[in-house]
């Protein structure tokens, strides 16, 4: 299955069956009926086109039928998922969704994961050279569920992915992306491992009136 990114599809020109320009891709809609849900509609200028009307994706989105339907209850990948925050089961903010990963299979698109790495964020900002030097980090959609209405919030299904498992570099990158208030909440909520019982201190020795000074290394 060919991989697709939501950021590459958003803004793509949409061409009707007669070659007329309909507009640009504003959003993609999916249902939540499956673990990796299929994209059901293409949203252009507020009009919803069923995905079955999509004939081709490269380099433009071409429709075989330009009959639009009405809006329906669905998860919108741009409006509801992109830039939403992922939290763990304890409510700590973990990452922000920088891109959405899709898989193309026989002309259909399936939602498979979200990218929470700094590389995806740099790519969306047009910094592709920088993005190649940064990390991508995917979270399988099956590990997430929507918790907010509108759905601008996702939650990890497993506490093992909690923020406490981030290393120092990942934590710094995360704090960099949050607002000052959210960053302060995050850092305040990180649990430190319990300290080992204090060892009894040896009796204090009498201090002598001199100190040892380390010499510079010989050249």
N, C-alpha and C. Protein backbone atom coordinates (compact mmCIF):
# COMPACT_ATOMS: atom_id res chain seq x y z
N UNK A 1 0.84 -1.19 0.00
CA UNK A 1 0.00 0.00 0.00
C UNK A 1 0.88 1.24 0.00
N UNK A 2 0.53 2.20 -0.83
CA UNK A 2 1.30 3.44 -0.93
C UNK A 2 0.96 4.35 0.25
N UNK A 3 2.00 5.02 0.78
CA UNK A 3 1.81 5.91 1.92
C UNK A 3 1.47 7.31 1.43
N UNK A 4 0.59 7.98 2.15
CA UNK A 4 0.20 9.35 1.86
C UNK A 4 0.23 10.15 3.15
N UNK A 5 0.45 11.47 3.02
CA UNK A 5 0.39 12.36 4.17
C UNK A 5 -0.74 13.37 3.96
N UNK A 6 -1.46 13.63 5.02
CA UNK A 6 -2.55 14.60 4.92
C UNK A 6 -2.05 15.96 4.47
N UNK A 7 -0.88 16.38 4.97
CA UNK A 7 -0.35 17.70 4.63
C UNK A 7 -0.08 17.84 3.13
N UNK A 8 0.20 16.72 2.44
CA UNK A 8 0.44 16.78 1.00
C UNK A 8 -0.87 16.89 0.20
N UNK A 9 -1.96 16.42 0.80
CA UNK A 9 -3.25 16.45 0.10
C UNK A 9 -4.01 17.75 0.34
N UNK A 10 -3.84 18.34 1.52
CA UNK A 10 -4.54 19.59 1.81
C UNK A 10 -4.08 20.69 0.86
N UNK A 11 -5.02 21.40 0.28
CA UNK A 11 -4.67 22.47 -0.65
C UNK A 11 -4.48 22.01 -2.08
N UNK A 12 -4.56 20.70 -2.33
CA UNK A 12 -4.41 20.21 -3.69
C UNK A 12 -5.59 20.66 -4.54
N UNK A 13 -5.33 20.97 -5.80
CA UNK A 13 -6.38 21.41 -6.73
C UNK A 13 -7.30 20.24 -7.06
N UNK A 14 -8.60 20.51 -7.06
CA UNK A 14 -9.60 19.49 -7.38
C UNK A 14 -10.21 19.82 -8.74
N UNK A 15 -10.15 18.86 -9.67
CA UNK A 15 -10.62 19.04 -11.04
C UNK A 15 -11.85 18.15 -11.27
N UNK A 16 -12.88 18.73 -11.86
CA UNK A 16 -14.10 17.99 -12.14
C UNK A 16 -13.98 17.11 -13.37
N UNK A 17 -15.00 16.31 -13.67
CA UNK A 17 -14.94 15.38 -14.81
C UNK A 17 -14.80 16.08 -16.16
N UNK A 18 -15.22 17.33 -16.27
CA UNK A 18 -15.10 18.05 -17.53
C UNK A 18 -13.85 18.91 -17.60
N UNK A 19 -12.94 18.76 -16.63
CA UNK A 19 -11.71 19.55 -16.61
C UNK A 19 -11.85 20.87 -15.90
N UNK A 20 -13.04 21.15 -15.35
CA UNK A 20 -13.25 22.40 -14.64
C UNK A 20 -12.61 22.36 -13.25
N UNK A 21 -12.13 23.52 -12.83
CA UNK A 21 -11.51 23.61 -11.50
C UNK A 21 -12.60 23.81 -10.46
N UNK A 22 -12.70 22.91 -9.50
CA UNK A 22 -13.74 22.96 -8.48
C UNK A 22 -13.28 23.72 -7.24
N UNK A 23 -12.01 23.61 -6.93
CA UNK A 23 -11.47 24.28 -5.74
C UNK A 23 -10.25 23.53 -5.23
N UNK A 24 -9.99 23.65 -3.95
CA UNK A 24 -8.86 22.97 -3.32
C UNK A 24 -9.35 22.13 -2.15
N UNK A 25 -8.59 21.09 -1.85
CA UNK A 25 -8.95 20.19 -0.76
C UNK A 25 -8.86 20.93 0.57
N UNK A 26 -9.98 21.00 1.27
CA UNK A 26 -10.01 21.62 2.60
C UNK A 26 -9.88 20.58 3.70
N UNK A 27 -10.41 19.39 3.46
CA UNK A 27 -10.40 18.40 4.52
C UNK A 27 -10.73 17.03 3.96
N UNK A 28 -10.46 16.00 4.75
CA UNK A 28 -10.86 14.64 4.45
C UNK A 28 -11.68 14.13 5.63
N UNK A 29 -12.75 13.41 5.33
CA UNK A 29 -13.62 12.90 6.39
C UNK A 29 -13.52 11.38 6.46
N UNK A 30 -13.54 10.86 7.68
CA UNK A 30 -13.55 9.41 7.89
C UNK A 30 -14.65 9.06 8.89
N UNK A 31 -15.04 7.80 8.85
CA UNK A 31 -15.91 7.29 9.90
C UNK A 31 -15.01 6.65 10.95
N UNK A 32 -15.58 6.27 12.06
CA UNK A 32 -14.80 5.60 13.10
C UNK A 32 -15.23 4.15 13.27
N UNK A 33 -15.72 3.58 12.17
CA UNK A 33 -16.28 2.23 12.26
C UNK A 33 -15.21 1.15 12.31
N UNK A 34 -13.98 1.46 11.90
CA UNK A 34 -12.93 0.45 11.85
C UNK A 34 -11.71 0.92 12.64
N UNK A 35 -10.81 -0.01 12.94
CA UNK A 35 -9.59 0.34 13.66
C UNK A 35 -8.73 1.28 12.83
N UNK A 36 -8.65 1.02 11.51
CA UNK A 36 -8.00 1.91 10.56
C UNK A 36 -9.07 2.37 9.57
N UNK A 37 -9.81 3.43 9.91
CA UNK A 37 -10.99 3.81 9.13
C UNK A 37 -10.66 4.31 7.73
N UNK A 38 -11.59 4.09 6.83
CA UNK A 38 -11.46 4.56 5.46
C UNK A 38 -11.88 6.02 5.35
N UNK A 39 -11.24 6.76 4.45
CA UNK A 39 -11.68 8.11 4.12
C UNK A 39 -12.98 7.98 3.33
N UNK A 40 -14.01 8.70 3.77
CA UNK A 40 -15.32 8.56 3.14
C UNK A 40 -15.68 9.74 2.24
N UNK A 41 -15.14 10.94 2.55
CA UNK A 41 -15.50 12.13 1.78
C UNK A 41 -14.31 13.07 1.61
N UNK A 42 -14.37 13.81 0.54
CA UNK A 42 -13.45 14.90 0.26
C UNK A 42 -14.22 16.20 0.45
N UNK A 43 -13.67 17.12 1.24
CA UNK A 43 -14.37 18.37 1.53
C UNK A 43 -13.70 19.51 0.76
N UNK A 44 -14.47 20.18 -0.08
CA UNK A 44 -13.97 21.27 -0.91
C UNK A 44 -14.98 22.42 -0.85
N UNK A 45 -14.55 23.57 -0.31
CA UNK A 45 -15.43 24.75 -0.20
C UNK A 45 -16.74 24.44 0.50
N UNK A 46 -16.65 23.63 1.54
CA UNK A 46 -17.85 23.29 2.29
C UNK A 46 -18.72 22.22 1.66
N UNK A 47 -18.35 21.74 0.48
CA UNK A 47 -19.13 20.69 -0.18
C UNK A 47 -18.44 19.35 0.02
N UNK A 48 -19.24 18.32 0.26
CA UNK A 48 -18.72 16.99 0.56
C UNK A 48 -18.90 16.08 -0.65
N UNK A 49 -17.78 15.59 -1.18
CA UNK A 49 -17.81 14.68 -2.32
C UNK A 49 -17.45 13.28 -1.83
N UNK A 50 -18.25 12.28 -2.15
CA UNK A 50 -17.93 10.92 -1.71
C UNK A 50 -16.61 10.46 -2.30
N UNK A 51 -15.83 9.71 -1.53
CA UNK A 51 -14.53 9.27 -2.01
C UNK A 51 -14.65 8.38 -3.25
N UNK A 52 -15.78 7.75 -3.42
CA UNK A 52 -15.99 6.91 -4.61
C UNK A 52 -15.96 7.74 -5.89
N UNK A 53 -16.12 9.08 -5.77
CA UNK A 53 -16.08 9.95 -6.94
C UNK A 53 -14.66 10.33 -7.33
N UNK A 54 -13.66 10.00 -6.49
CA UNK A 54 -12.27 10.35 -6.78
C UNK A 54 -11.69 9.37 -7.79
N UNK A 55 -11.20 9.91 -8.89
CA UNK A 55 -10.63 9.07 -9.95
C UNK A 55 -9.11 8.96 -9.84
N UNK A 56 -8.45 10.05 -9.46
CA UNK A 56 -6.99 10.05 -9.37
C UNK A 56 -6.55 11.11 -8.37
N UNK A 57 -5.33 10.92 -7.83
CA UNK A 57 -4.79 11.84 -6.84
C UNK A 57 -3.57 12.60 -7.32
N UNK A 58 -2.90 12.15 -8.35
CA UNK A 58 -1.65 12.77 -8.78
C UNK A 58 -1.78 13.39 -10.17
N UNK A 59 -1.21 14.58 -10.37
CA UNK A 59 -0.71 15.51 -9.33
C UNK A 59 -1.84 16.31 -8.70
N UNK A 60 -3.03 16.22 -9.31
CA UNK A 60 -4.21 16.90 -8.79
C UNK A 60 -5.24 15.85 -8.41
N UNK A 61 -6.24 16.28 -7.68
CA UNK A 61 -7.34 15.37 -7.36
C UNK A 61 -8.37 15.49 -8.47
N UNK A 62 -8.61 14.41 -9.16
CA UNK A 62 -9.58 14.42 -10.27
C UNK A 62 -10.81 13.62 -9.88
N UNK A 63 -11.97 14.20 -10.17
CA UNK A 63 -13.24 13.56 -9.85
C UNK A 63 -13.89 13.00 -11.10
N UNK A 64 -14.47 11.82 -10.97
CA UNK A 64 -15.25 11.26 -12.08
C UNK A 64 -16.70 11.72 -12.01
N UNK A 65 -17.09 12.24 -10.84
CA UNK A 65 -18.45 12.72 -10.65
C UNK A 65 -18.39 13.90 -9.68
N UNK A 66 -18.94 15.04 -10.07
CA UNK A 66 -18.86 16.25 -9.26
C UNK A 66 -20.14 16.51 -8.47
N UNK A 67 -20.91 15.44 -8.22
CA UNK A 67 -22.13 15.58 -7.44
C UNK A 67 -21.78 15.57 -5.96
N UNK A 68 -22.02 16.69 -5.29
CA UNK A 68 -21.69 16.81 -3.87
C UNK A 68 -22.89 16.46 -3.02
N UNK A 69 -22.60 15.90 -1.86
CA UNK A 69 -23.66 15.60 -0.91
C UNK A 69 -23.62 16.56 0.26
N UNK A 70 -24.48 16.36 1.22
CA UNK A 70 -24.52 17.21 2.39
C UNK A 70 -23.51 16.75 3.43
N UNK A 71 -23.25 17.62 4.41
CA UNK A 71 -22.33 17.29 5.48
C UNK A 71 -22.92 16.18 6.34
N UNK A 72 -22.06 15.34 6.85
CA UNK A 72 -22.51 14.24 7.70
C UNK A 72 -21.64 14.21 8.96
N UNK A 73 -22.07 13.42 9.94
CA UNK A 73 -21.29 13.28 11.15
C UNK A 73 -20.08 12.41 10.85
N UNK A 74 -18.90 12.98 10.98
CA UNK A 74 -17.69 12.24 10.65
C UNK A 74 -16.51 12.90 11.35
N UNK A 75 -15.41 12.22 11.36
CA UNK A 75 -14.16 12.76 11.89
C UNK A 75 -13.43 13.47 10.75
N UNK A 76 -13.17 14.75 10.90
CA UNK A 76 -12.46 15.52 9.89
C UNK A 76 -10.98 15.55 10.25
N UNK A 77 -10.14 15.07 9.34
CA UNK A 77 -8.73 14.90 9.66
C UNK A 77 -7.99 16.22 9.84
N UNK A 78 -8.37 17.24 9.09
CA UNK A 78 -7.73 18.55 9.25
C UNK A 78 -8.30 19.28 10.47
N UNK A 79 -9.60 19.36 10.53
CA UNK A 79 -10.23 20.15 11.59
C UNK A 79 -10.10 19.50 12.97
N UNK A 80 -10.26 18.18 13.03
CA UNK A 80 -10.35 17.51 14.32
C UNK A 80 -9.06 16.83 14.79
N UNK A 81 -8.21 16.41 13.85
CA UNK A 81 -7.04 15.60 14.24
C UNK A 81 -5.74 16.38 14.13
N UNK A 82 -5.49 17.02 13.00
CA UNK A 82 -4.23 17.73 12.81
C UNK A 82 -4.08 18.83 13.88
N UNK A 83 -2.93 18.87 14.51
CA UNK A 83 -2.59 19.84 15.57
C UNK A 83 -3.31 19.59 16.88
N UNK A 84 -4.08 18.51 16.97
CA UNK A 84 -4.70 18.18 18.26
C UNK A 84 -3.63 17.62 19.20
N UNK A 85 -3.93 17.64 20.48
CA UNK A 85 -2.99 17.13 21.47
C UNK A 85 -3.32 15.69 21.82
N UNK A 86 -2.26 14.90 22.00
CA UNK A 86 -2.43 13.53 22.47
C UNK A 86 -2.07 13.53 23.95
N UNK A 87 -2.93 12.93 24.76
CA UNK A 87 -2.65 12.84 26.19
C UNK A 87 -2.66 11.37 26.59
N UNK A 88 -2.03 11.07 27.73
CA UNK A 88 -2.06 9.71 28.22
C UNK A 88 -3.30 9.53 29.10
N UNK A 89 -3.46 8.35 29.67
CA UNK A 89 -4.66 8.07 30.43
C UNK A 89 -4.75 8.89 31.71
N UNK A 90 -3.64 9.46 32.15
CA UNK A 90 -3.66 10.26 33.36
C UNK A 90 -3.87 11.74 33.05
N UNK A 91 -4.09 12.06 31.78
CA UNK A 91 -4.41 13.43 31.42
C UNK A 91 -3.22 14.32 31.17
N UNK A 92 -2.00 13.77 31.15
CA UNK A 92 -0.83 14.59 30.87
C UNK A 92 -0.68 14.76 29.36
N UNK A 93 -0.38 15.97 28.90
CA UNK A 93 -0.17 16.21 27.48
C UNK A 93 1.14 15.55 27.05
N UNK A 94 1.10 14.83 25.96
CA UNK A 94 2.27 14.11 25.52
C UNK A 94 2.85 14.71 24.24
N UNK A 95 2.05 14.79 23.21
CA UNK A 95 2.53 15.29 21.92
C UNK A 95 1.41 16.00 21.19
N UNK A 96 1.80 16.74 20.16
CA UNK A 96 0.83 17.38 19.28
C UNK A 96 0.93 16.71 17.91
N UNK A 97 -0.20 16.43 17.29
CA UNK A 97 -0.22 15.77 15.99
C UNK A 97 0.31 16.73 14.93
N UNK A 98 1.43 16.36 14.32
CA UNK A 98 2.05 17.21 13.31
C UNK A 98 1.64 16.82 11.90
N UNK A 99 1.20 15.58 11.71
CA UNK A 99 0.71 15.15 10.40
C UNK A 99 -0.10 13.87 10.59
N UNK A 100 -0.85 13.53 9.56
CA UNK A 100 -1.69 12.33 9.59
C UNK A 100 -1.24 11.41 8.47
N UNK A 101 -1.01 10.15 8.81
CA UNK A 101 -0.52 9.17 7.84
C UNK A 101 -1.67 8.35 7.30
N UNK A 102 -1.72 8.25 5.98
CA UNK A 102 -2.77 7.52 5.28
C UNK A 102 -2.12 6.45 4.41
N UNK A 103 -2.85 5.41 4.12
CA UNK A 103 -2.37 4.36 3.22
C UNK A 103 -3.35 4.23 2.05
N UNK A 104 -2.82 4.28 0.84
CA UNK A 104 -3.65 4.16 -0.36
C UNK A 104 -3.66 2.70 -0.80
N UNK A 105 -4.86 2.17 -0.95
CA UNK A 105 -5.01 0.76 -1.32
C UNK A 105 -6.12 0.66 -2.36
N UNK A 106 -5.71 0.41 -3.61
CA UNK A 106 -6.65 0.27 -4.72
C UNK A 106 -7.59 1.48 -4.83
N UNK A 107 -6.99 2.67 -4.72
CA UNK A 107 -7.75 3.89 -4.91
C UNK A 107 -8.46 4.40 -3.68
N UNK A 108 -8.44 3.66 -2.59
CA UNK A 108 -9.07 4.09 -1.36
C UNK A 108 -8.00 4.51 -0.36
N UNK A 109 -8.36 5.42 0.53
CA UNK A 109 -7.43 5.88 1.55
C UNK A 109 -7.89 5.41 2.92
N UNK A 110 -6.92 4.96 3.71
CA UNK A 110 -7.22 4.47 5.05
C UNK A 110 -6.36 5.23 6.06
N UNK A 111 -6.94 5.65 7.15
CA UNK A 111 -6.22 6.33 8.23
C UNK A 111 -5.45 5.28 9.04
N UNK A 112 -4.13 5.40 9.08
CA UNK A 112 -3.34 4.37 9.76
C UNK A 112 -2.59 4.87 10.98
N UNK A 113 -2.16 6.15 11.00
CA UNK A 113 -1.34 6.62 12.12
C UNK A 113 -1.29 8.14 12.11
N UNK A 114 -0.75 8.69 13.18
CA UNK A 114 -0.45 10.12 13.23
C UNK A 114 1.04 10.27 13.49
N UNK A 115 1.63 11.32 12.95
CA UNK A 115 3.04 11.61 13.14
C UNK A 115 3.16 12.71 14.18
N UNK A 116 3.90 12.44 15.25
CA UNK A 116 4.06 13.42 16.33
C UNK A 116 5.51 13.91 16.42
N UNK A 117 6.30 13.63 15.40
CA UNK A 117 7.70 14.04 15.41
C UNK A 117 7.91 15.47 14.96
N UNK A 118 9.07 16.00 15.29
CA UNK A 118 9.40 17.36 14.90
C UNK A 118 9.68 17.46 13.40
N UNK A 119 10.03 16.34 12.76
CA UNK A 119 10.29 16.36 11.32
C UNK A 119 9.02 16.74 10.55
N UNK A 120 7.89 16.19 10.95
CA UNK A 120 6.63 16.49 10.26
C UNK A 120 6.26 17.96 10.43
N UNK A 121 6.51 18.50 11.61
CA UNK A 121 6.21 19.92 11.84
C UNK A 121 7.07 20.81 10.96
N UNK A 122 8.37 20.49 10.86
CA UNK A 122 9.26 21.27 10.00
C UNK A 122 8.86 21.16 8.54
N UNK A 123 8.43 19.98 8.12
CA UNK A 123 8.02 19.78 6.73
C UNK A 123 6.80 20.64 6.40
N UNK A 124 5.85 20.72 7.32
CA UNK A 124 4.66 21.54 7.09
C UNK A 124 5.00 23.02 7.02
N UNK A 125 6.07 23.42 7.69
CA UNK A 125 6.50 24.82 7.64
C UNK A 125 7.33 25.13 6.40
N UNK A 126 7.52 24.12 5.54
CA UNK A 126 8.30 24.32 4.32
C UNK A 126 9.79 24.12 4.51
N UNK A 127 10.20 23.64 5.68
CA UNK A 127 11.63 23.46 5.99
C UNK A 127 12.01 22.00 5.73
N UNK A 128 11.93 21.60 4.47
CA UNK A 128 12.14 20.19 4.13
C UNK A 128 13.58 19.74 4.35
N UNK A 129 14.55 20.61 4.11
CA UNK A 129 15.95 20.24 4.35
C UNK A 129 16.17 19.97 5.84
N UNK A 130 15.59 20.82 6.68
CA UNK A 130 15.69 20.61 8.12
C UNK A 130 14.94 19.35 8.54
N UNK A 131 13.79 19.11 7.93
CA UNK A 131 12.97 17.96 8.30
C UNK A 131 13.72 16.65 8.09
N UNK A 132 14.58 16.60 7.08
CA UNK A 132 15.33 15.37 6.82
C UNK A 132 16.31 15.05 7.94
N UNK A 133 16.65 16.06 8.76
CA UNK A 133 17.61 15.82 9.85
C UNK A 133 16.91 15.61 11.19
N UNK A 134 15.58 15.73 11.19
CA UNK A 134 14.83 15.58 12.43
C UNK A 134 14.11 14.24 12.45
N UNK A 135 13.51 13.95 13.60
CA UNK A 135 12.88 12.65 13.80
C UNK A 135 11.42 12.64 13.40
N UNK A 136 11.02 11.53 12.78
CA UNK A 136 9.60 11.25 12.60
C UNK A 136 9.21 10.22 13.66
N UNK A 137 8.00 10.35 14.15
CA UNK A 137 7.56 9.43 15.19
C UNK A 137 6.08 9.17 15.02
N UNK A 138 5.73 7.94 14.67
CA UNK A 138 4.34 7.59 14.37
C UNK A 138 3.68 6.92 15.57
N UNK A 139 2.40 7.22 15.72
CA UNK A 139 1.55 6.55 16.70
C UNK A 139 0.41 5.89 15.94
N UNK A 140 0.30 4.58 16.03
CA UNK A 140 -0.74 3.84 15.33
C UNK A 140 -2.11 4.35 15.77
N UNK A 141 -3.02 4.53 14.80
CA UNK A 141 -4.34 5.03 15.12
C UNK A 141 -5.08 4.10 16.08
N UNK A 142 -4.75 2.80 16.04
CA UNK A 142 -5.41 1.85 16.94
C UNK A 142 -5.07 2.10 18.39
N UNK A 143 -3.99 2.85 18.66
CA UNK A 143 -3.60 3.15 20.03
C UNK A 143 -4.24 4.42 20.55
N UNK A 144 -5.13 5.03 19.75
CA UNK A 144 -5.73 6.31 20.11
C UNK A 144 -7.25 6.22 20.11
N UNK A 145 -7.87 7.08 20.88
CA UNK A 145 -9.30 7.28 20.72
C UNK A 145 -9.64 8.74 20.97
N UNK A 146 -10.70 9.18 20.35
CA UNK A 146 -11.11 10.58 20.41
C UNK A 146 -11.85 10.83 21.72
N UNK A 147 -11.50 11.93 22.40
CA UNK A 147 -12.09 12.16 23.71
C UNK A 147 -12.82 13.50 23.81
N UNK A 148 -12.75 14.36 22.81
CA UNK A 148 -13.32 15.70 22.93
C UNK A 148 -14.38 15.94 21.87
N UNK A 149 -15.25 16.90 22.13
CA UNK A 149 -16.25 17.34 21.15
C UNK A 149 -16.18 18.86 21.05
N UNK A 150 -15.88 19.41 19.88
CA UNK A 150 -15.41 18.65 18.71
C UNK A 150 -14.13 17.91 19.03
N UNK A 151 -13.75 17.00 18.18
CA UNK A 151 -12.74 16.00 18.54
C UNK A 151 -11.32 16.52 18.55
N UNK A 152 -11.11 17.76 19.02
CA UNK A 152 -9.75 18.29 18.99
C UNK A 152 -8.96 17.82 20.20
N UNK A 153 -8.93 16.53 20.37
CA UNK A 153 -8.16 15.93 21.44
C UNK A 153 -8.15 14.43 21.26
N UNK A 154 -7.02 13.81 21.46
CA UNK A 154 -6.88 12.37 21.33
C UNK A 154 -6.27 11.84 22.61
N UNK A 155 -6.51 10.57 22.89
CA UNK A 155 -5.96 9.99 24.10
C UNK A 155 -5.30 8.67 23.77
N UNK A 156 -4.15 8.45 24.39
CA UNK A 156 -3.46 7.19 24.21
C UNK A 156 -4.21 6.09 24.94
N UNK A 157 -4.29 4.93 24.30
CA UNK A 157 -5.03 3.83 24.90
C UNK A 157 -4.19 3.05 25.90
N UNK A 158 -2.90 3.31 25.96
CA UNK A 158 -2.03 2.53 26.85
C UNK A 158 -1.20 3.45 27.73
N UNK A 159 -1.24 3.28 29.06
CA UNK A 159 -0.45 4.15 29.93
C UNK A 159 1.04 3.96 29.75
N UNK A 160 1.49 2.90 29.10
CA UNK A 160 2.92 2.69 28.89
C UNK A 160 3.54 3.79 28.05
N UNK A 161 2.71 4.52 27.29
CA UNK A 161 3.23 5.58 26.43
C UNK A 161 3.18 6.94 27.12
N UNK A 162 3.14 6.94 28.43
CA UNK A 162 3.01 8.19 29.18
C UNK A 162 4.23 9.07 28.98
N UNK A 163 4.04 10.35 29.30
CA UNK A 163 5.08 11.34 29.07
C UNK A 163 6.34 11.05 29.87
N UNK A 164 6.20 10.29 30.95
CA UNK A 164 7.35 10.02 31.80
C UNK A 164 8.41 9.18 31.10
N UNK A 165 8.07 8.56 29.96
CA UNK A 165 9.02 7.73 29.24
C UNK A 165 9.84 8.52 28.22
N UNK A 166 9.56 9.80 28.05
CA UNK A 166 10.31 10.62 27.12
C UNK A 166 11.70 10.89 27.67
N UNK A 167 12.71 10.88 26.77
CA UNK A 167 14.04 11.26 27.22
C UNK A 167 14.16 12.78 27.23
N UNK A 168 15.31 13.29 27.65
CA UNK A 168 15.46 14.73 27.83
C UNK A 168 15.27 15.50 26.53
N UNK A 169 15.82 14.97 25.42
CA UNK A 169 15.70 15.66 24.14
C UNK A 169 14.24 15.70 23.68
N UNK A 170 13.52 14.58 23.84
CA UNK A 170 12.12 14.53 23.43
C UNK A 170 11.28 15.46 24.30
N UNK A 171 11.58 15.49 25.58
CA UNK A 171 10.83 16.37 26.47
C UNK A 171 11.06 17.83 26.11
N UNK A 172 12.31 18.18 25.77
CA UNK A 172 12.61 19.56 25.39
C UNK A 172 11.87 19.93 24.11
N UNK A 173 11.82 19.00 23.14
CA UNK A 173 11.11 19.27 21.89
C UNK A 173 9.61 19.43 22.14
N UNK A 174 9.09 18.63 23.07
CA UNK A 174 7.67 18.73 23.40
C UNK A 174 7.34 20.07 24.05
N UNK A 175 8.13 20.46 25.04
CA UNK A 175 7.89 21.72 25.74
C UNK A 175 7.96 22.89 24.77
N UNK A 176 8.84 22.75 23.78
CA UNK A 176 9.01 23.81 22.78
C UNK A 176 7.73 24.05 21.98
N UNK A 177 6.91 23.01 21.81
CA UNK A 177 5.72 23.11 20.98
C UNK A 177 4.49 23.55 21.77
N UNK A 178 4.55 23.52 23.10
CA UNK A 178 3.40 23.86 23.91
C UNK A 178 3.41 25.32 24.30
N UNK A 179 2.26 25.81 24.67
CA UNK A 179 2.18 27.17 25.21
C UNK A 179 2.85 27.19 26.57
N UNK A 180 3.27 28.37 27.06
CA UNK A 180 3.93 28.43 28.37
C UNK A 180 3.10 27.81 29.49
N UNK A 181 1.77 28.03 29.44
CA UNK A 181 0.91 27.49 30.49
C UNK A 181 0.89 25.96 30.45
N UNK A 182 0.72 25.40 29.25
CA UNK A 182 0.68 23.95 29.11
C UNK A 182 2.04 23.33 29.43
N UNK A 183 3.11 24.00 29.04
CA UNK A 183 4.45 23.49 29.33
C UNK A 183 4.68 23.43 30.84
N UNK A 184 4.22 24.47 31.54
CA UNK A 184 4.38 24.50 32.99
C UNK A 184 3.59 23.37 33.64
N UNK A 185 2.37 23.14 33.15
CA UNK A 185 1.55 22.06 33.68
C UNK A 185 2.21 20.71 33.46
N UNK A 186 2.78 20.54 32.26
CA UNK A 186 3.43 19.28 31.93
C UNK A 186 4.61 19.00 32.85
N UNK A 187 5.50 19.98 32.98
CA UNK A 187 6.69 19.79 33.80
C UNK A 187 6.34 19.60 35.27
N UNK A 188 5.29 20.29 35.72
CA UNK A 188 4.89 20.14 37.11
C UNK A 188 4.28 18.78 37.39
N UNK A 189 3.71 18.15 36.33
CA UNK A 189 3.03 16.88 36.53
C UNK A 189 3.89 15.66 36.37
N UNK A 190 5.11 15.83 35.91
CA UNK A 190 5.98 14.67 35.72
C UNK A 190 6.40 14.12 37.07
N UNK A 191 6.19 12.87 37.25
CA UNK A 191 6.54 12.25 38.52
C UNK A 191 8.02 11.89 38.55
N UNK A 192 8.66 12.26 39.58
CA UNK A 192 10.05 11.86 39.77
C UNK A 192 10.07 10.51 40.48
N UNK A 193 11.04 9.65 40.17
CA UNK A 193 11.13 8.38 40.90
C UNK A 193 11.39 8.64 42.37
N UNK A 194 10.84 7.80 43.26
CA UNK A 194 11.03 8.04 44.68
C UNK A 194 12.51 8.00 45.05
N UNK A 195 12.87 8.88 45.91
CA UNK A 195 14.27 8.92 46.34
C UNK A 195 14.59 7.74 47.24
N UNK A 196 15.81 7.26 47.11
CA UNK A 196 16.26 6.19 48.00
C UNK A 196 16.38 6.73 49.41
N UNK A 197 16.17 5.86 50.41
CA UNK A 197 16.30 6.32 51.79
C UNK A 197 17.67 6.93 52.02
N UNK A 198 17.68 8.01 52.74
CA UNK A 198 18.95 8.70 52.99
C UNK A 198 19.87 7.83 53.85
N UNK A 199 21.11 7.78 53.42
CA UNK A 199 22.08 7.03 54.20
C UNK A 199 22.57 7.88 55.37
N UNK A 200 22.84 7.21 56.50
CA UNK A 200 23.36 7.99 57.63
C UNK A 200 24.69 8.63 57.27
N UNK A 201 24.79 9.88 57.60
CA UNK A 201 26.03 10.59 57.28
C UNK A 201 27.12 10.26 58.30
N UNK A 202 28.36 10.14 57.80
CA UNK A 202 29.46 9.91 58.75
C UNK A 202 29.68 11.14 59.60
N UNK A 203 30.29 10.96 60.75
CA UNK A 203 30.55 12.12 61.62
C UNK A 203 31.36 13.17 60.87
N UNK A 204 31.00 14.42 61.08
CA UNK A 204 31.71 15.51 60.40
C UNK A 204 33.13 15.60 60.96
N UNK A 205 34.05 15.73 60.01
CA UNK A 205 35.45 15.87 60.40
C UNK A 205 35.83 17.34 60.49
N UNK A 206 36.83 17.56 61.26
CA UNK A 206 37.31 18.92 61.43
C UNK A 206 37.93 19.41 60.12
N UNK A 207 37.54 20.59 59.71
CA UNK A 207 38.07 21.14 58.46
C UNK A 207 39.44 21.75 58.69
N UNK A 208 40.34 21.51 57.74
CA UNK A 208 41.67 22.10 57.82
C UNK A 208 41.66 23.43 57.07
N UNK A 209 42.53 24.36 57.46
CA UNK A 209 42.52 25.71 56.86
C UNK A 209 43.21 25.77 55.50
N UNK A 210 42.95 24.78 54.65
CA UNK A 210 43.47 24.87 53.28
C UNK A 210 42.60 24.01 52.39
N UNK A 211 42.73 24.21 51.07
CA UNK A 211 41.98 23.43 50.09
C UNK A 211 42.92 22.87 49.07
N UNK A 212 42.50 21.80 48.42
CA UNK A 212 43.26 21.25 47.30
C UNK A 212 42.70 21.85 46.02
N UNK A 213 43.59 22.29 45.14
CA UNK A 213 43.18 22.89 43.86
C UNK A 213 43.69 22.02 42.75
N UNK A 214 42.81 21.67 41.83
CA UNK A 214 43.20 20.83 40.71
C UNK A 214 44.07 21.59 39.76
N UNK A 215 45.18 20.97 39.39
CA UNK A 215 46.09 21.61 38.43
C UNK A 215 45.56 21.43 37.00
N UNK A 216 45.97 22.36 36.14
CA UNK A 216 45.64 22.21 34.71
C UNK A 216 46.42 21.05 34.15
N UNK A 217 45.82 20.35 33.19
CA UNK A 217 46.50 19.22 32.56
C UNK A 217 47.74 19.70 31.83
N UNK A 218 48.79 18.90 31.90
CA UNK A 218 50.04 19.25 31.23
C UNK A 218 49.81 19.27 29.73
N UNK A 219 50.45 20.21 29.02
CA UNK A 219 50.28 20.27 27.56
C UNK A 219 50.88 19.05 26.88
